[in-house]
mmCIF file of all heavy atoms, coordinates in Angstrom:
data_MODEL
# 
_entry.id   MODEL 
# 
loop_
_atom_site.group_PDB 
_atom_site.id 
_atom_site.type_symbol 
_atom_site.label_atom_id 
_atom_site.label_alt_id 
_atom_site.label_comp_id 
_atom_site.label_asym_id 
_atom_site.label_entity_id 
_atom_site.label_seq_id 
_atom_site.pdbx_PDB_ins_code 
_atom_site.Cartn_x 
_atom_site.Cartn_y 
_atom_site.Cartn_z 
_atom_site.occupancy 
_atom_site.B_iso_or_equiv 
_atom_site.pdbx_formal_charge 
_atom_site.auth_seq_id 
_atom_site.auth_comp_id 
_atom_site.auth_asym_id 
_atom_site.auth_atom_id 
_atom_site.pdbx_PDB_model_num 
ATOM 1   N N   . PRO A 1 1  ? -0.946 -120.220 -22.277 1.00 0.00 ? 1  PRO A N   1 
ATOM 2   C CA  . PRO A 1 1  ? -2.408 -120.500 -22.560 1.00 0.00 ? 1  PRO A CA  1 
ATOM 3   C C   . PRO A 1 1  ? -3.186 -119.804 -21.419 1.00 0.00 ? 1  PRO A C   1 
ATOM 4   O O   . PRO A 1 1  ? -4.309 -120.046 -21.230 1.00 0.00 ? 1  PRO A O   1 
ATOM 5   C CB  . PRO A 1 1  ? -2.449 -121.993 -22.363 1.00 0.00 ? 1  PRO A CB  1 
ATOM 6   C CG  . PRO A 1 1  ? -1.587 -122.408 -21.318 1.00 0.00 ? 1  PRO A CG  1 
ATOM 7   C CD  . PRO A 1 1  ? -0.333 -121.424 -21.534 1.00 0.00 ? 1  PRO A CD  1 
ATOM 8   N N   . GLN A 1 2  ? -2.738 -118.757 -20.708 1.00 0.00 ? 2  GLN A N   1 
ATOM 9   C CA  . GLN A 1 2  ? -3.458 -117.951 -19.744 1.00 0.00 ? 2  GLN A CA  1 
ATOM 10  C C   . GLN A 1 2  ? -4.669 -117.329 -20.409 1.00 0.00 ? 2  GLN A C   1 
ATOM 11  O O   . GLN A 1 2  ? -4.528 -116.844 -21.541 1.00 0.00 ? 2  GLN A O   1 
ATOM 12  C CB  . GLN A 1 2  ? -2.647 -116.984 -18.923 1.00 0.00 ? 2  GLN A CB  1 
ATOM 13  C CG  . GLN A 1 2  ? -1.443 -117.809 -18.332 1.00 0.00 ? 2  GLN A CG  1 
ATOM 14  C CD  . GLN A 1 2  ? -1.754 -118.764 -17.258 1.00 0.00 ? 2  GLN A CD  1 
ATOM 15  O OE1 . GLN A 1 2  ? -2.737 -118.560 -16.506 1.00 0.00 ? 2  GLN A OE1 1 
ATOM 16  N NE2 . GLN A 1 2  ? -1.073 -119.835 -17.279 1.00 0.00 ? 2  GLN A NE2 1 
ATOM 17  N N   . PRO A 1 3  ? -5.691 -117.078 -19.730 1.00 0.00 ? 3  PRO A N   1 
ATOM 18  C CA  . PRO A 1 3  ? -6.885 -116.443 -20.246 1.00 0.00 ? 3  PRO A CA  1 
ATOM 19  C C   . PRO A 1 3  ? -6.609 -114.919 -20.403 1.00 0.00 ? 3  PRO A C   1 
ATOM 20  O O   . PRO A 1 3  ? -7.214 -114.267 -21.201 1.00 0.00 ? 3  PRO A O   1 
ATOM 21  C CB  . PRO A 1 3  ? -8.018 -116.684 -19.177 1.00 0.00 ? 3  PRO A CB  1 
ATOM 22  C CG  . PRO A 1 3  ? -7.306 -117.006 -17.915 1.00 0.00 ? 3  PRO A CG  1 
ATOM 23  C CD  . PRO A 1 3  ? -6.027 -117.718 -18.298 1.00 0.00 ? 3  PRO A CD  1 
ATOM 24  N N   . VAL A 1 4  ? -5.689 -114.323 -19.575 1.00 0.00 ? 4  VAL A N   1 
ATOM 25  C CA  . VAL A 1 4  ? -5.221 -112.954 -19.642 1.00 0.00 ? 4  VAL A CA  1 
ATOM 26  C C   . VAL A 1 4  ? -3.829 -113.035 -20.283 1.00 0.00 ? 4  VAL A C   1 
ATOM 27  O O   . VAL A 1 4  ? -2.934 -113.621 -19.696 1.00 0.00 ? 4  VAL A O   1 
ATOM 28  C CB  . VAL A 1 4  ? -5.211 -112.281 -18.180 1.00 0.00 ? 4  VAL A CB  1 
ATOM 29  C CG1 . VAL A 1 4  ? -4.642 -110.856 -18.490 1.00 0.00 ? 4  VAL A CG1 1 
ATOM 30  C CG2 . VAL A 1 4  ? -6.594 -112.208 -17.716 1.00 0.00 ? 4  VAL A CG2 1 
ATOM 31  N N   . LEU A 1 5  ? -3.765 -112.415 -21.411 1.00 0.00 ? 5  LEU A N   1 
ATOM 32  C CA  . LEU A 1 5  ? -2.492 -112.548 -22.182 1.00 0.00 ? 5  LEU A CA  1 
ATOM 33  C C   . LEU A 1 5  ? -1.479 -111.469 -21.935 1.00 0.00 ? 5  LEU A C   1 
ATOM 34  O O   . LEU A 1 5  ? -0.317 -111.591 -22.201 1.00 0.00 ? 5  LEU A O   1 
ATOM 35  C CB  . LEU A 1 5  ? -2.766 -112.546 -23.756 1.00 0.00 ? 5  LEU A CB  1 
ATOM 36  C CG  . LEU A 1 5  ? -3.809 -113.654 -24.213 1.00 0.00 ? 5  LEU A CG  1 
ATOM 37  C CD1 . LEU A 1 5  ? -3.940 -113.697 -25.658 1.00 0.00 ? 5  LEU A CD1 1 
ATOM 38  C CD2 . LEU A 1 5  ? -3.241 -115.087 -23.835 1.00 0.00 ? 5  LEU A CD2 1 
ATOM 39  N N   . HIS A 1 6  ? -2.044 -110.269 -21.545 1.00 0.00 ? 6  HIS A N   1 
ATOM 40  C CA  . HIS A 1 6  ? -1.006 -109.205 -21.380 1.00 0.00 ? 6  HIS A CA  1 
ATOM 41  C C   . HIS A 1 6  ? -0.316 -109.219 -19.980 1.00 0.00 ? 6  HIS A C   1 
ATOM 42  O O   . HIS A 1 6  ? -0.757 -110.010 -19.062 1.00 0.00 ? 6  HIS A O   1 
ATOM 43  C CB  . HIS A 1 6  ? -1.902 -107.932 -21.364 1.00 0.00 ? 6  HIS A CB  1 
ATOM 44  C CG  . HIS A 1 6  ? -2.902 -107.666 -20.469 1.00 0.00 ? 6  HIS A CG  1 
ATOM 45  N ND1 . HIS A 1 6  ? -2.596 -107.343 -19.179 1.00 0.00 ? 6  HIS A ND1 1 
ATOM 46  C CD2 . HIS A 1 6  ? -4.255 -107.869 -20.472 1.00 0.00 ? 6  HIS A CD2 1 
ATOM 47  C CE1 . HIS A 1 6  ? -3.708 -107.161 -18.442 1.00 0.00 ? 6  HIS A CE1 1 
ATOM 48  N NE2 . HIS A 1 6  ? -4.761 -107.485 -19.211 1.00 0.00 ? 6  HIS A NE2 1 
ATOM 49  N N   . SER A 1 7  ? 0.649  -108.400 -19.792 1.00 0.00 ? 7  SER A N   1 
ATOM 50  C CA  . SER A 1 7  ? 1.444  -108.374 -18.642 1.00 0.00 ? 7  SER A CA  1 
ATOM 51  C C   . SER A 1 7  ? 1.179  -107.102 -17.821 1.00 0.00 ? 7  SER A C   1 
ATOM 52  O O   . SER A 1 7  ? 2.156  -106.685 -17.085 1.00 0.00 ? 7  SER A O   1 
ATOM 53  C CB  . SER A 1 7  ? 2.853  -108.574 -18.865 1.00 0.00 ? 7  SER A CB  1 
ATOM 54  O OG  . SER A 1 7  ? 3.101  -109.886 -19.391 1.00 0.00 ? 7  SER A OG  1 
ATOM 55  N N   . ALA A 1 8  ? 0.112  -106.282 -18.077 1.00 0.00 ? 8  ALA A N   1 
ATOM 56  C CA  . ALA A 1 8  ? 0.087  -104.979 -17.471 1.00 0.00 ? 8  ALA A CA  1 
ATOM 57  C C   . ALA A 1 8  ? 0.032  -105.131 -15.926 1.00 0.00 ? 8  ALA A C   1 
ATOM 58  O O   . ALA A 1 8  ? 0.646  -104.300 -15.187 1.00 0.00 ? 8  ALA A O   1 
ATOM 59  C CB  . ALA A 1 8  ? -1.348 -104.447 -17.872 1.00 0.00 ? 8  ALA A CB  1 
ATOM 60  N N   . ASP A 1 9  ? -0.696 -106.159 -15.369 1.00 0.00 ? 9  ASP A N   1 
ATOM 61  C CA  . ASP A 1 9  ? -0.583 -106.309 -13.856 1.00 0.00 ? 9  ASP A CA  1 
ATOM 62  C C   . ASP A 1 9  ? 0.752  -106.572 -13.342 1.00 0.00 ? 9  ASP A C   1 
ATOM 63  O O   . ASP A 1 9  ? 1.106  -106.138 -12.256 1.00 0.00 ? 9  ASP A O   1 
ATOM 64  C CB  . ASP A 1 9  ? -1.597 -107.486 -13.483 1.00 0.00 ? 9  ASP A CB  1 
ATOM 65  C CG  . ASP A 1 9  ? -3.052 -107.025 -13.796 1.00 0.00 ? 9  ASP A CG  1 
ATOM 66  O OD1 . ASP A 1 9  ? -3.342 -105.846 -13.880 1.00 0.00 ? 9  ASP A OD1 1 
ATOM 67  O OD2 . ASP A 1 9  ? -3.911 -107.951 -13.895 1.00 0.00 ? 9  ASP A OD2 1 
ATOM 68  N N   . LEU A 1 10 ? 1.595  -107.435 -14.071 1.00 0.00 ? 10 LEU A N   1 
ATOM 69  C CA  . LEU A 1 10 ? 2.846  -107.737 -13.696 1.00 0.00 ? 10 LEU A CA  1 
ATOM 70  C C   . LEU A 1 10 ? 3.797  -106.483 -13.692 1.00 0.00 ? 10 LEU A C   1 
ATOM 71  O O   . LEU A 1 10 ? 4.608  -106.199 -12.747 1.00 0.00 ? 10 LEU A O   1 
ATOM 72  C CB  . LEU A 1 10 ? 3.578  -108.738 -14.597 1.00 0.00 ? 10 LEU A CB  1 
ATOM 73  C CG  . LEU A 1 10 ? 3.283  -110.331 -14.269 1.00 0.00 ? 10 LEU A CG  1 
ATOM 74  C CD1 . LEU A 1 10 ? 4.068  -111.092 -15.257 1.00 0.00 ? 10 LEU A CD1 1 
ATOM 75  C CD2 . LEU A 1 10 ? 3.926  -110.573 -12.947 1.00 0.00 ? 10 LEU A CD2 1 
ATOM 76  N N   . VAL A 1 11 ? 3.658  -105.664 -14.669 1.00 0.00 ? 11 VAL A N   1 
ATOM 77  C CA  . VAL A 1 11 ? 4.474  -104.412 -14.743 1.00 0.00 ? 11 VAL A CA  1 
ATOM 78  C C   . VAL A 1 11 ? 4.058  -103.547 -13.602 1.00 0.00 ? 11 VAL A C   1 
ATOM 79  O O   . VAL A 1 11 ? 4.874  -102.951 -12.903 1.00 0.00 ? 11 VAL A O   1 
ATOM 80  C CB  . VAL A 1 11 ? 4.233  -103.722 -16.134 1.00 0.00 ? 11 VAL A CB  1 
ATOM 81  C CG1 . VAL A 1 11 ? 4.880  -102.436 -16.189 1.00 0.00 ? 11 VAL A CG1 1 
ATOM 82  C CG2 . VAL A 1 11 ? 4.760  -104.557 -17.323 1.00 0.00 ? 11 VAL A CG2 1 
ATOM 83  N N   . ARG A 1 12 ? 2.785  -103.404 -13.232 1.00 0.00 ? 12 ARG A N   1 
ATOM 84  C CA  . ARG A 1 12 ? 2.234  -102.570 -12.218 1.00 0.00 ? 12 ARG A CA  1 
ATOM 85  C C   . ARG A 1 12 ? 2.832  -103.076 -10.924 1.00 0.00 ? 12 ARG A C   1 
ATOM 86  O O   . ARG A 1 12 ? 3.270  -102.173 -9.987  1.00 0.00 ? 12 ARG A O   1 
ATOM 87  C CB  . ARG A 1 12 ? 0.781  -102.508 -12.212 1.00 0.00 ? 12 ARG A CB  1 
ATOM 88  C CG  . ARG A 1 12 ? 0.167  -101.540 -11.156 1.00 0.00 ? 12 ARG A CG  1 
ATOM 89  C CD  . ARG A 1 12 ? -1.338 -101.618 -11.290 1.00 0.00 ? 12 ARG A CD  1 
ATOM 90  N NE  . ARG A 1 12 ? -1.869 -101.239 -12.510 1.00 0.00 ? 12 ARG A NE  1 
ATOM 91  C CZ  . ARG A 1 12 ? -2.538 -102.138 -13.331 1.00 0.00 ? 12 ARG A CZ  1 
ATOM 92  N NH1 . ARG A 1 12 ? -2.704 -103.351 -12.941 1.00 0.00 ? 12 ARG A NH1 1 
ATOM 93  N NH2 . ARG A 1 12 ? -2.971 -101.615 -14.511 1.00 0.00 ? 12 ARG A NH2 1 
ATOM 94  N N   . ALA A 1 13 ? 2.888  -104.358 -10.752 1.00 0.00 ? 13 ALA A N   1 
ATOM 95  C CA  . ALA A 1 13 ? 3.339  -104.855 -9.499  1.00 0.00 ? 13 ALA A CA  1 
ATOM 96  C C   . ALA A 1 13 ? 4.857  -104.892 -9.270  1.00 0.00 ? 13 ALA A C   1 
ATOM 97  O O   . ALA A 1 13 ? 5.369  -104.625 -8.188  1.00 0.00 ? 13 ALA A O   1 
ATOM 98  C CB  . ALA A 1 13 ? 2.873  -106.389 -9.397  1.00 0.00 ? 13 ALA A CB  1 
ATOM 99  N N   . LEU A 1 14 ? 5.634  -105.275 -10.388 1.00 0.00 ? 14 LEU A N   1 
ATOM 100 C CA  . LEU A 1 14 ? 7.015  -105.392 -10.360 1.00 0.00 ? 14 LEU A CA  1 
ATOM 101 C C   . LEU A 1 14 ? 7.946  -104.215 -10.790 1.00 0.00 ? 14 LEU A C   1 
ATOM 102 O O   . LEU A 1 14 ? 9.114  -104.142 -10.394 1.00 0.00 ? 14 LEU A O   1 
ATOM 103 C CB  . LEU A 1 14 ? 7.446  -106.701 -11.132 1.00 0.00 ? 14 LEU A CB  1 
ATOM 104 C CG  . LEU A 1 14 ? 6.713  -107.967 -10.651 1.00 0.00 ? 14 LEU A CG  1 
ATOM 105 C CD1 . LEU A 1 14 ? 7.221  -109.183 -11.508 1.00 0.00 ? 14 LEU A CD1 1 
ATOM 106 C CD2 . LEU A 1 14 ? 7.114  -108.287 -9.139  1.00 0.00 ? 14 LEU A CD2 1 
ATOM 107 N N   . ALA A 1 15 ? 7.278  -103.374 -11.591 1.00 0.00 ? 15 ALA A N   1 
ATOM 108 C CA  . ALA A 1 15 ? 8.067  -102.086 -12.031 1.00 0.00 ? 15 ALA A CA  1 
ATOM 109 C C   . ALA A 1 15 ? 7.129  -101.026 -11.942 1.00 0.00 ? 15 ALA A C   1 
ATOM 110 O O   . ALA A 1 15 ? 6.769  -100.316 -13.082 1.00 0.00 ? 15 ALA A O   1 
ATOM 111 C CB  . ALA A 1 15 ? 8.512  -102.326 -13.382 1.00 0.00 ? 15 ALA A CB  1 
ATOM 112 N N   . PRO A 1 16 ? 6.549  -100.694 -10.852 1.00 0.00 ? 16 PRO A N   1 
ATOM 113 C CA  . PRO A 1 16 ? 5.584  -99.628  -10.645 1.00 0.00 ? 16 PRO A CA  1 
ATOM 114 C C   . PRO A 1 16 ? 5.915  -98.197  -11.172 1.00 0.00 ? 16 PRO A C   1 
ATOM 115 O O   . PRO A 1 16 ? 5.015  -97.529  -11.456 1.00 0.00 ? 16 PRO A O   1 
ATOM 116 C CB  . PRO A 1 16 ? 5.287  -99.686  -9.220  1.00 0.00 ? 16 PRO A CB  1 
ATOM 117 C CG  . PRO A 1 16 ? 6.527  -100.221 -8.570  1.00 0.00 ? 16 PRO A CG  1 
ATOM 118 C CD  . PRO A 1 16 ? 7.163  -101.117 -9.444  1.00 0.00 ? 16 PRO A CD  1 
ATOM 119 N N   . GLU A 1 17 ? 7.254  -97.989  -11.309 1.00 0.00 ? 17 GLU A N   1 
ATOM 120 C CA  . GLU A 1 17 ? 7.511  -96.672  -11.790 1.00 0.00 ? 17 GLU A CA  1 
ATOM 121 C C   . GLU A 1 17 ? 7.764  -96.636  -13.312 1.00 0.00 ? 17 GLU A C   1 
ATOM 122 O O   . GLU A 1 17 ? 7.977  -95.495  -13.891 1.00 0.00 ? 17 GLU A O   1 
ATOM 123 C CB  . GLU A 1 17 ? 8.819  -96.248  -11.098 1.00 0.00 ? 17 GLU A CB  1 
ATOM 124 C CG  . GLU A 1 17 ? 8.641  -95.999  -9.565  1.00 0.00 ? 17 GLU A CG  1 
ATOM 125 C CD  . GLU A 1 17 ? 9.982  -95.474  -8.943  1.00 0.00 ? 17 GLU A CD  1 
ATOM 126 O OE1 . GLU A 1 17 ? 10.480 -94.403  -9.464  1.00 0.00 ? 17 GLU A OE1 1 
ATOM 127 O OE2 . GLU A 1 17 ? 10.311 -95.899  -7.858  1.00 0.00 ? 17 GLU A OE2 1 
ATOM 128 N N   . ALA A 1 18 ? 7.577  -97.625  -14.023 1.00 0.00 ? 18 ALA A N   1 
ATOM 129 C CA  . ALA A 1 18 ? 7.568  -97.743  -15.384 1.00 0.00 ? 18 ALA A CA  1 
ATOM 130 C C   . ALA A 1 18 ? 6.069  -97.387  -15.958 1.00 0.00 ? 18 ALA A C   1 
ATOM 131 O O   . ALA A 1 18 ? 5.085  -97.581  -15.247 1.00 0.00 ? 18 ALA A O   1 
ATOM 132 C CB  . ALA A 1 18 ? 7.994  -98.994  -16.078 1.00 0.00 ? 18 ALA A CB  1 
ATOM 133 N N   . ARG A 1 19 ? 6.008  -97.004  -17.192 1.00 0.00 ? 19 ARG A N   1 
ATOM 134 C CA  . ARG A 1 19 ? 4.717  -96.778  -17.845 1.00 0.00 ? 19 ARG A CA  1 
ATOM 135 C C   . ARG A 1 19 ? 4.431  -97.936  -18.850 1.00 0.00 ? 19 ARG A C   1 
ATOM 136 O O   . ARG A 1 19 ? 5.336  -98.627  -19.252 1.00 0.00 ? 19 ARG A O   1 
ATOM 137 C CB  . ARG A 1 19 ? 4.747  -95.415  -18.709 1.00 0.00 ? 19 ARG A CB  1 
ATOM 138 C CG  . ARG A 1 19 ? 5.186  -94.230  -17.709 1.00 0.00 ? 19 ARG A CG  1 
ATOM 139 C CD  . ARG A 1 19 ? 5.036  -92.950  -18.433 1.00 0.00 ? 19 ARG A CD  1 
ATOM 140 N NE  . ARG A 1 19 ? 5.587  -92.777  -19.811 1.00 0.00 ? 19 ARG A NE  1 
ATOM 141 C CZ  . ARG A 1 19 ? 6.800  -92.674  -20.111 1.00 0.00 ? 19 ARG A CZ  1 
ATOM 142 N NH1 . ARG A 1 19 ? 7.736  -92.635  -19.089 1.00 0.00 ? 19 ARG A NH1 1 
ATOM 143 N NH2 . ARG A 1 19 ? 7.220  -92.601  -21.342 1.00 0.00 ? 19 ARG A NH2 1 
ATOM 144 N N   . TYR A 1 20 ? 3.250  -98.165  -19.112 1.00 0.00 ? 20 TYR A N   1 
ATOM 145 C CA  . TYR A 1 20 ? 2.825  -99.414  -19.777 1.00 0.00 ? 20 TYR A CA  1 
ATOM 146 C C   . TYR A 1 20 ? 2.047  -99.049  -21.063 1.00 0.00 ? 20 TYR A C   1 
ATOM 147 O O   . TYR A 1 20 ? 1.170  -98.232  -21.069 1.00 0.00 ? 20 TYR A O   1 
ATOM 148 C CB  . TYR A 1 20 ? 2.095  -100.325 -18.944 1.00 0.00 ? 20 TYR A CB  1 
ATOM 149 C CG  . TYR A 1 20 ? 1.576  -101.593 -19.571 1.00 0.00 ? 20 TYR A CG  1 
ATOM 150 C CD1 . TYR A 1 20 ? 2.437  -102.699 -19.623 1.00 0.00 ? 20 TYR A CD1 1 
ATOM 151 C CD2 . TYR A 1 20 ? 0.330  -101.660 -20.212 1.00 0.00 ? 20 TYR A CD2 1 
ATOM 152 C CE1 . TYR A 1 20 ? 2.068  -103.884 -20.243 1.00 0.00 ? 20 TYR A CE1 1 
ATOM 153 C CE2 . TYR A 1 20 ? -0.077 -102.807 -20.780 1.00 0.00 ? 20 TYR A CE2 1 
ATOM 154 C CZ  . TYR A 1 20 ? 0.768  -103.899 -20.809 1.00 0.00 ? 20 TYR A CZ  1 
ATOM 155 O OH  . TYR A 1 20 ? 0.415  -105.113 -21.335 1.00 0.00 ? 20 TYR A OH  1 
ATOM 156 N N   . ALA A 1 21 ? 2.219  -99.841  -22.162 1.00 0.00 ? 21 ALA A N   1 
ATOM 157 C CA  . ALA A 1 21 ? 1.521  -99.754  -23.444 1.00 0.00 ? 21 ALA A CA  1 
ATOM 158 C C   . ALA A 1 21 ? 1.455  -101.187 -23.899 1.00 0.00 ? 21 ALA A C   1 
ATOM 159 O O   . ALA A 1 21 ? 2.310  -102.069 -23.556 1.00 0.00 ? 21 ALA A O   1 
ATOM 160 C CB  . ALA A 1 21 ? 2.182  -98.805  -24.401 1.00 0.00 ? 21 ALA A CB  1 
ATOM 161 N N   . ARG A 1 22 ? 0.548  -101.449 -24.671 1.00 0.00 ? 22 ARG A N   1 
ATOM 162 C CA  . ARG A 1 22 ? 0.353  -102.812 -25.357 1.00 0.00 ? 22 ARG A CA  1 
ATOM 163 C C   . ARG A 1 22 ? 0.304  -102.556 -26.871 1.00 0.00 ? 22 ARG A C   1 
ATOM 164 O O   . ARG A 1 22 ? -0.666 -101.780 -27.346 1.00 0.00 ? 22 ARG A O   1 
ATOM 165 C CB  . ARG A 1 22 ? -0.906 -103.382 -24.773 1.00 0.00 ? 22 ARG A CB  1 
ATOM 166 C CG  . ARG A 1 22 ? -1.338 -104.872 -25.337 1.00 0.00 ? 22 ARG A CG  1 
ATOM 167 C CD  . ARG A 1 22 ? -0.546 -105.831 -24.704 1.00 0.00 ? 22 ARG A CD  1 
ATOM 168 N NE  . ARG A 1 22 ? -1.158 -107.081 -24.698 1.00 0.00 ? 22 ARG A NE  1 
ATOM 169 C CZ  . ARG A 1 22 ? -0.456 -108.262 -24.845 1.00 0.00 ? 22 ARG A CZ  1 
ATOM 170 N NH1 . ARG A 1 22 ? 0.787  -108.267 -25.063 1.00 0.00 ? 22 ARG A NH1 1 
ATOM 171 N NH2 . ARG A 1 22 ? -1.091 -109.448 -24.834 1.00 0.00 ? 22 ARG A NH2 1 
ATOM 172 N N   . ALA A 1 23 ? 1.068  -103.324 -27.592 1.00 0.00 ? 23 ALA A N   1 
ATOM 173 C CA  . ALA A 1 23 ? 0.999  -103.180 -29.076 1.00 0.00 ? 23 ALA A CA  1 
ATOM 174 C C   . ALA A 1 23 ? 1.894  -104.332 -29.671 1.00 0.00 ? 23 ALA A C   1 
ATOM 175 O O   . ALA A 1 23 ? 2.586  -105.110 -28.835 1.00 0.00 ? 23 ALA A O   1 
ATOM 176 C CB  . ALA A 1 23 ? 1.575  -101.876 -29.567 1.00 0.00 ? 23 ALA A CB  1 
ATOM 177 N N   . PHE A 1 24 ? 1.594  -104.683 -30.868 1.00 0.00 ? 24 PHE A N   1 
ATOM 178 C CA  . PHE A 1 24 ? 2.510  -105.695 -31.638 1.00 0.00 ? 24 PHE A CA  1 
ATOM 179 C C   . PHE A 1 24 ? 2.246  -107.109 -31.096 1.00 0.00 ? 24 PHE A C   1 
ATOM 180 O O   . PHE A 1 24 ? 3.112  -108.011 -31.402 1.00 0.00 ? 24 PHE A O   1 
ATOM 181 C CB  . PHE A 1 24 ? 3.931  -105.359 -31.498 1.00 0.00 ? 24 PHE A CB  1 
ATOM 182 C CG  . PHE A 1 24 ? 4.360  -103.979 -31.972 1.00 0.00 ? 24 PHE A CG  1 
ATOM 183 C CD1 . PHE A 1 24 ? 4.750  -103.046 -31.245 1.00 0.00 ? 24 PHE A CD1 1 
ATOM 184 C CD2 . PHE A 1 24 ? 4.282  -103.731 -33.346 1.00 0.00 ? 24 PHE A CD2 1 
ATOM 185 C CE1 . PHE A 1 24 ? 5.128  -101.898 -31.711 1.00 0.00 ? 24 PHE A CE1 1 
ATOM 186 C CE2 . PHE A 1 24 ? 4.670  -102.457 -33.924 1.00 0.00 ? 24 PHE A CE2 1 
ATOM 187 C CZ  . PHE A 1 24 ? 5.049  -101.444 -33.117 1.00 0.00 ? 24 PHE A CZ  1 
ATOM 188 N N   . ASN A 1 25 ? 1.189  -107.405 -30.477 1.00 0.00 ? 25 ASN A N   1 
ATOM 189 C CA  . ASN A 1 25 ? 0.881  -108.614 -29.935 1.00 0.00 ? 25 ASN A CA  1 
ATOM 190 C C   . ASN A 1 25 ? -0.182 -109.457 -30.715 1.00 0.00 ? 25 ASN A C   1 
ATOM 191 O O   . ASN A 1 25 ? -0.383 -110.646 -30.551 1.00 0.00 ? 25 ASN A O   1 
ATOM 192 C CB  . ASN A 1 25 ? 0.414  -108.567 -28.484 1.00 0.00 ? 25 ASN A CB  1 
ATOM 193 C CG  . ASN A 1 25 ? -1.080 -108.057 -28.436 1.00 0.00 ? 25 ASN A CG  1 
ATOM 194 O OD1 . ASN A 1 25 ? -1.354 -106.939 -28.724 1.00 0.00 ? 25 ASN A OD1 1 
ATOM 195 N ND2 . ASN A 1 25 ? -2.047 -108.836 -27.952 1.00 0.00 ? 25 ASN A ND2 1 
ATOM 196 N N   . ASN A 1 26 ? -0.984 -108.773 -31.550 1.00 0.00 ? 26 ASN A N   1 
ATOM 197 C CA  . ASN A 1 26 ? -2.163 -109.426 -32.113 1.00 0.00 ? 26 ASN A CA  1 
ATOM 198 C C   . ASN A 1 26 ? -2.022 -109.821 -33.595 1.00 0.00 ? 26 ASN A C   1 
ATOM 199 O O   . ASN A 1 26 ? -3.082 -110.230 -34.200 1.00 0.00 ? 26 ASN A O   1 
ATOM 200 C CB  . ASN A 1 26 ? -3.376 -108.574 -31.950 1.00 0.00 ? 26 ASN A CB  1 
ATOM 201 C CG  . ASN A 1 26 ? -3.397 -107.264 -32.638 1.00 0.00 ? 26 ASN A CG  1 
ATOM 202 O OD1 . ASN A 1 26 ? -2.565 -106.448 -32.463 1.00 0.00 ? 26 ASN A OD1 1 
ATOM 203 N ND2 . ASN A 1 26 ? -4.196 -107.087 -33.757 1.00 0.00 ? 26 ASN A ND2 1 
ATOM 204 N N   . GLN A 1 27 ? -0.770 -109.751 -34.123 1.00 0.00 ? 27 GLN A N   1 
ATOM 205 C CA  . GLN A 1 27 ? -0.562 -110.172 -35.491 1.00 0.00 ? 27 GLN A CA  1 
ATOM 206 C C   . GLN A 1 27 ? 0.739  -111.012 -35.493 1.00 0.00 ? 27 GLN A C   1 
ATOM 207 O O   . GLN A 1 27 ? 1.548  -110.841 -34.589 1.00 0.00 ? 27 GLN A O   1 
ATOM 208 C CB  . GLN A 1 27 ? -0.568 -109.074 -36.438 1.00 0.00 ? 27 GLN A CB  1 
ATOM 209 C CG  . GLN A 1 27 ? -1.830 -108.529 -36.663 1.00 0.00 ? 27 GLN A CG  1 
ATOM 210 C CD  . GLN A 1 27 ? -2.097 -107.407 -37.714 1.00 0.00 ? 27 GLN A CD  1 
ATOM 211 O OE1 . GLN A 1 27 ? -3.061 -106.938 -37.763 1.00 0.00 ? 27 GLN A OE1 1 
ATOM 212 N NE2 . GLN A 1 27 ? -1.084 -107.306 -38.535 1.00 0.00 ? 27 GLN A NE2 1 
ATOM 213 N N   . THR A 1 28 ? 1.003  -111.731 -36.566 1.00 0.00 ? 28 THR A N   1 
ATOM 214 C CA  . THR A 1 28 ? 2.202  -112.502 -36.575 1.00 0.00 ? 28 THR A CA  1 
ATOM 215 C C   . THR A 1 28 ? 3.314  -111.623 -37.113 1.00 0.00 ? 28 THR A C   1 
ATOM 216 O O   . THR A 1 28 ? 3.212  -110.591 -37.760 1.00 0.00 ? 28 THR A O   1 
ATOM 217 C CB  . THR A 1 28 ? 2.027  -113.738 -37.490 1.00 0.00 ? 28 THR A CB  1 
ATOM 218 O OG1 . THR A 1 28 ? 1.774  -113.115 -38.955 1.00 0.00 ? 28 THR A OG1 1 
ATOM 219 C CG2 . THR A 1 28 ? 0.779  -114.610 -37.219 1.00 0.00 ? 28 THR A CG2 1 
ATOM 220 N N   . TRP A 1 29 ? 4.542  -112.188 -36.883 1.00 0.00 ? 29 TRP A N   1 
ATOM 221 C CA  . TRP A 1 29 ? 5.730  -111.460 -37.262 1.00 0.00 ? 29 TRP A CA  1 
ATOM 222 C C   . TRP A 1 29 ? 5.781  -111.209 -38.865 1.00 0.00 ? 29 TRP A C   1 
ATOM 223 O O   . TRP A 1 29 ? 6.230  -110.243 -39.384 1.00 0.00 ? 29 TRP A O   1 
ATOM 224 C CB  . TRP A 1 29 ? 7.121  -112.063 -36.871 1.00 0.00 ? 29 TRP A CB  1 
ATOM 225 C CG  . TRP A 1 29 ? 7.413  -113.375 -37.602 1.00 0.00 ? 29 TRP A CG  1 
ATOM 226 C CD1 . TRP A 1 29 ? 7.028  -114.640 -37.167 1.00 0.00 ? 29 TRP A CD1 1 
ATOM 227 C CD2 . TRP A 1 29 ? 8.155  -113.557 -38.788 1.00 0.00 ? 29 TRP A CD2 1 
ATOM 228 N NE1 . TRP A 1 29 ? 7.586  -115.590 -37.950 1.00 0.00 ? 29 TRP A NE1 1 
ATOM 229 C CE2 . TRP A 1 29 ? 8.235  -114.950 -38.894 1.00 0.00 ? 29 TRP A CE2 1 
ATOM 230 C CE3 . TRP A 1 29 ? 8.872  -112.687 -39.583 1.00 0.00 ? 29 TRP A CE3 1 
ATOM 231 C CZ2 . TRP A 1 29 ? 8.906  -115.459 -40.016 1.00 0.00 ? 29 TRP A CZ2 1 
ATOM 232 C CZ3 . TRP A 1 29 ? 9.424  -113.115 -40.640 1.00 0.00 ? 29 TRP A CZ3 1 
ATOM 233 C CH2 . TRP A 1 29 ? 9.507  -114.598 -40.901 1.00 0.00 ? 29 TRP A CH2 1 
ATOM 234 N N   . GLU A 1 30 ? 5.135  -112.181 -39.612 1.00 0.00 ? 30 GLU A N   1 
ATOM 235 C CA  . GLU A 1 30 ? 5.114  -112.025 -41.045 1.00 0.00 ? 30 GLU A CA  1 
ATOM 236 C C   . GLU A 1 30 ? 4.364  -110.692 -41.463 1.00 0.00 ? 30 GLU A C   1 
ATOM 237 O O   . GLU A 1 30 ? 4.784  -110.195 -42.621 1.00 0.00 ? 30 GLU A O   1 
ATOM 238 C CB  . GLU A 1 30 ? 4.593  -113.186 -41.643 1.00 0.00 ? 30 GLU A CB  1 
ATOM 239 C CG  . GLU A 1 30 ? 5.367  -114.476 -41.580 1.00 0.00 ? 30 GLU A CG  1 
ATOM 240 C CD  . GLU A 1 30 ? 4.916  -115.377 -40.379 1.00 0.00 ? 30 GLU A CD  1 
ATOM 241 O OE1 . GLU A 1 30 ? 4.369  -114.749 -39.396 1.00 0.00 ? 30 GLU A OE1 1 
ATOM 242 O OE2 . GLU A 1 30 ? 5.269  -116.515 -40.265 1.00 0.00 ? 30 GLU A OE2 1 
# 
């Protein structure tokens, strides 16, 4: 229930040599 739902900051901090994109999060699997 965090106000920030994405993990961009975590990826930047913990896997800084990876690249980041956001998708497939805003609709249900159905």
